[in-house]
Amino acid sequence: MKFLIQPLYKLYRAVLRNSKYRWLVVAGSLLYLLSPVDLATDVLPIVGWLDDGLIATLLVTELSQVVLEQRKARKEKKAEVSA
C-alpha cells in the first residue's frame, strides 16, 4: 500500500508546487471533494470517507505550506530592498 500512496503523494505535491498548474490542482481537488463520484464510494463507510479526508488533508497542508513559503520569500525580498 505504501508503494502506491507515496508516489501519488509526491506527484500531487510536485504539481501543486508548480505555479503553472497549482490552481488546476486546487480546483480539481475541490471538485473531487464536492462531486458524488469517488475513487472509493461512500457506501463503504470508512473507506469512502478516508479518500475524501486524505485529499482534503493534502490540499490544506500543501496550500498552507505554499502560502508560508511565499510570505517568507516576500519578507526576505523586503529585507533586501530595505538594506
C-alpha atoms as a PDB file:
ATOM      1  CA  MET A   1       0.000   0.000   0.000  1.00  0.00           C
ATOM      2  CA  LYS A   2       2.844   2.385   0.833  1.00  0.00           C
ATOM      3  CA  PHE A   3       4.318   1.828  -2.626  1.00  0.00           C
ATOM      4  CA  LEU A   4       1.081   3.108  -4.158  1.00  0.00           C
ATOM      5  CA  ILE A   5       0.420   6.082  -1.882  1.00  0.00           C
ATOM      6  CA  GLN A   6       3.947   7.552  -1.646  1.00  0.00           C
ATOM      7  CA  PRO A   7       4.399   8.172  -5.416  1.00  0.00           C
ATOM      8  CA  LEU A   8       0.893   9.649  -5.673  1.00  0.00           C
ATOM      9  CA  TYR A   9       1.620  11.989  -2.772  1.00  0.00           C
ATOM     10  CA  LYS A  10       4.915  13.098  -4.326  1.00  0.00           C
ATOM     11  CA  LEU A  11       3.216  13.706  -7.677  1.00  0.00           C
ATOM     12  CA  TYR A  12       0.373  15.678  -6.060  1.00  0.00           C
ATOM     13  CA  ARG A  13       2.856  17.763  -4.087  1.00  0.00           C
ATOM     14  CA  ALA A  14       5.100  18.441  -7.088  1.00  0.00           C
ATOM     15  CA  VAL A  15       2.206  19.503  -9.297  1.00  0.00           C
ATOM     16  CA  LEU A  16       0.739  21.672  -6.542  1.00  0.00           C
ATOM     17  CA  ARG A  17       4.052  23.456  -6.082  1.00  0.00           C
ATOM     18  CA  ASN A  18       4.297  24.211  -9.811  1.00  0.00           C
ATOM     19  CA  SER A  19       2.705  27.647 -10.127  1.00  0.00           C
ATOM     20  CA  LYS A  20       1.555  26.889 -13.671  1.00  0.00           C
ATOM     21  CA  TYR A  21      -0.708  24.021 -12.546  1.00  0.00           C
ATOM     22  CA  ARG A  22      -1.404  24.930  -8.907  1.00  0.00           C
ATOM     23  CA  TRP A  23      -4.907  26.323  -9.350  1.00  0.00           C
ATOM     24  CA  LEU A  24      -5.891  23.465 -11.649  1.00  0.00           C
ATOM     25  CA  VAL A  25      -4.938  21.014  -8.904  1.00  0.00           C
ATOM     26  CA  VAL A  26      -6.778  23.062  -6.273  1.00  0.00           C
ATOM     27  CA  ALA A  27      -9.887  23.254  -8.449  1.00  0.00           C
ATOM     28  CA  GLY A  28      -9.671  19.549  -9.285  1.00  0.00           C
ATOM     29  CA  SER A  29      -9.277  18.624  -5.627  1.00  0.00           C
ATOM     30  CA  LEU A  30     -12.243  20.750  -4.603  1.00  0.00           C
ATOM     31  CA  LEU A  31     -14.317  19.351  -7.456  1.00  0.00           C
ATOM     32  CA  TYR A  32     -13.417  15.815  -6.365  1.00  0.00           C
ATOM     33  CA  LEU A  33     -14.409  16.570  -2.773  1.00  0.00           C
ATOM     34  CA  LEU A  34     -17.735  18.068  -3.826  1.00  0.00           C
ATOM     35  CA  SER A  35     -18.629  15.618  -6.587  1.00  0.00           C
ATOM     36  CA  PRO A  36     -20.656  12.482  -5.955  1.00  0.00           C
ATOM     37  CA  VAL A  37     -18.092  10.414  -7.908  1.00  0.00           C
ATOM     38  CA  ASP A  38     -15.366   8.935  -5.691  1.00  0.00           C
ATOM     39  CA  LEU A  39     -12.453   6.558  -6.072  1.00  0.00           C
ATOM     40  CA  ALA A  40     -13.803   4.717  -3.059  1.00  0.00           C
ATOM     41  CA  THR A  41     -17.529   5.131  -2.763  1.00  0.00           C
ATOM     42  CA  ASP A  42     -19.140   6.477   0.362  1.00  0.00           C
ATOM     43  CA  VAL A  43     -21.241   3.314   0.514  1.00  0.00           C
ATOM     44  CA  LEU A  44     -18.260   1.747   2.272  1.00  0.00           C
ATOM     45  CA  PRO A  45     -18.454   3.935   5.362  1.00  0.00           C
ATOM     46  CA  ILE A  46     -14.835   4.176   6.482  1.00  0.00           C
ATOM     47  CA  VAL A  47     -13.033   3.706   3.156  1.00  0.00           C
ATOM     48  CA  GLY A  48     -15.256   6.235   1.381  1.00  0.00           C
ATOM     49  CA  TRP A  49     -14.559   8.891   3.958  1.00  0.00           C
ATOM     50  CA  LEU A  50     -10.837   8.175   4.110  1.00  0.00           C
ATOM     51  CA  ASP A  51     -10.168   9.094   0.480  1.00  0.00           C
ATOM     52  CA  ASP A  52     -12.056  12.387   0.886  1.00  0.00           C
ATOM     53  CA  GLY A  53     -10.218  13.092   4.125  1.00  0.00           C
ATOM     54  CA  LEU A  54      -6.885  12.290   2.545  1.00  0.00           C
ATOM     55  CA  ILE A  55      -7.459  14.658  -0.386  1.00  0.00           C
ATOM     56  CA  ALA A  56      -8.708  17.431   1.930  1.00  0.00           C
ATOM     57  CA  THR A  57      -5.738  16.993   4.274  1.00  0.00           C
ATOM     58  CA  LEU A  58      -3.220  17.036   1.435  1.00  0.00           C
ATOM     59  CA  LEU A  59      -4.847  20.094  -0.097  1.00  0.00           C
ATOM     60  CA  VAL A  60      -4.897  22.128   3.118  1.00  0.00           C
ATOM     61  CA  THR A  61      -1.401  21.062   4.169  1.00  0.00           C
ATOM     62  CA  GLU A  62       0.252  21.799   0.864  1.00  0.00           C
ATOM     63  CA  LEU A  63      -1.576  25.086   0.281  1.00  0.00           C
ATOM     64  CA  SER A  64      -0.638  26.322   3.736  1.00  0.00           C
ATOM     65  CA  GLN A  65       2.992  25.350   3.074  1.00  0.00           C
ATOM     66  CA  VAL A  66       2.977  27.218  -0.251  1.00  0.00           C
ATOM     67  CA  VAL A  67       1.498  30.319   1.394  1.00  0.00           C
ATOM     68  CA  LEU A  68       4.081  30.241   4.193  1.00  0.00           C
ATOM     69  CA  GLU A  69       6.934  29.908   1.683  1.00  0.00           C
ATOM     70  CA  GLN A  70       5.604  32.832  -0.363  1.00  0.00           C
ATOM     71  CA  ARG A  71       5.268  35.012   2.730  1.00  0.00           C
ATOM     72  CA  LYS A  72       8.821  34.136   3.777  1.00  0.00           C
ATOM     73  CA  ALA A  73      10.192  34.951   0.314  1.00  0.00           C
ATOM     74  CA  ARG A  74       8.294  38.255   0.264  1.00  0.00           C
ATOM     75  CA  LYS A  75       9.633  39.149   3.713  1.00  0.00           C
ATOM     76  CA  GLU A  76      13.206  38.335   2.651  1.00  0.00           C
ATOM     77  CA  LYS A  77      12.799  40.401  -0.510  1.00  0.00           C
ATOM     78  CA  LYS A  78      11.592  43.404   1.520  1.00  0.00           C
ATOM     79  CA  ALA A  79      14.567  42.996   3.874  1.00  0.00           C
ATOM     80  CA  GLU A  80      16.974  43.032   0.923  1.00  0.00           C
ATOM     81  CA  VAL A  81      15.392  46.152  -0.566  1.00  0.00           C
ATOM     82  CA  SER A  82      15.475  47.949   2.791  1.00  0.00           C
ATOM     83  CA  ALA A  83      19.134  47.116   3.443  1.00  0.00           C
END
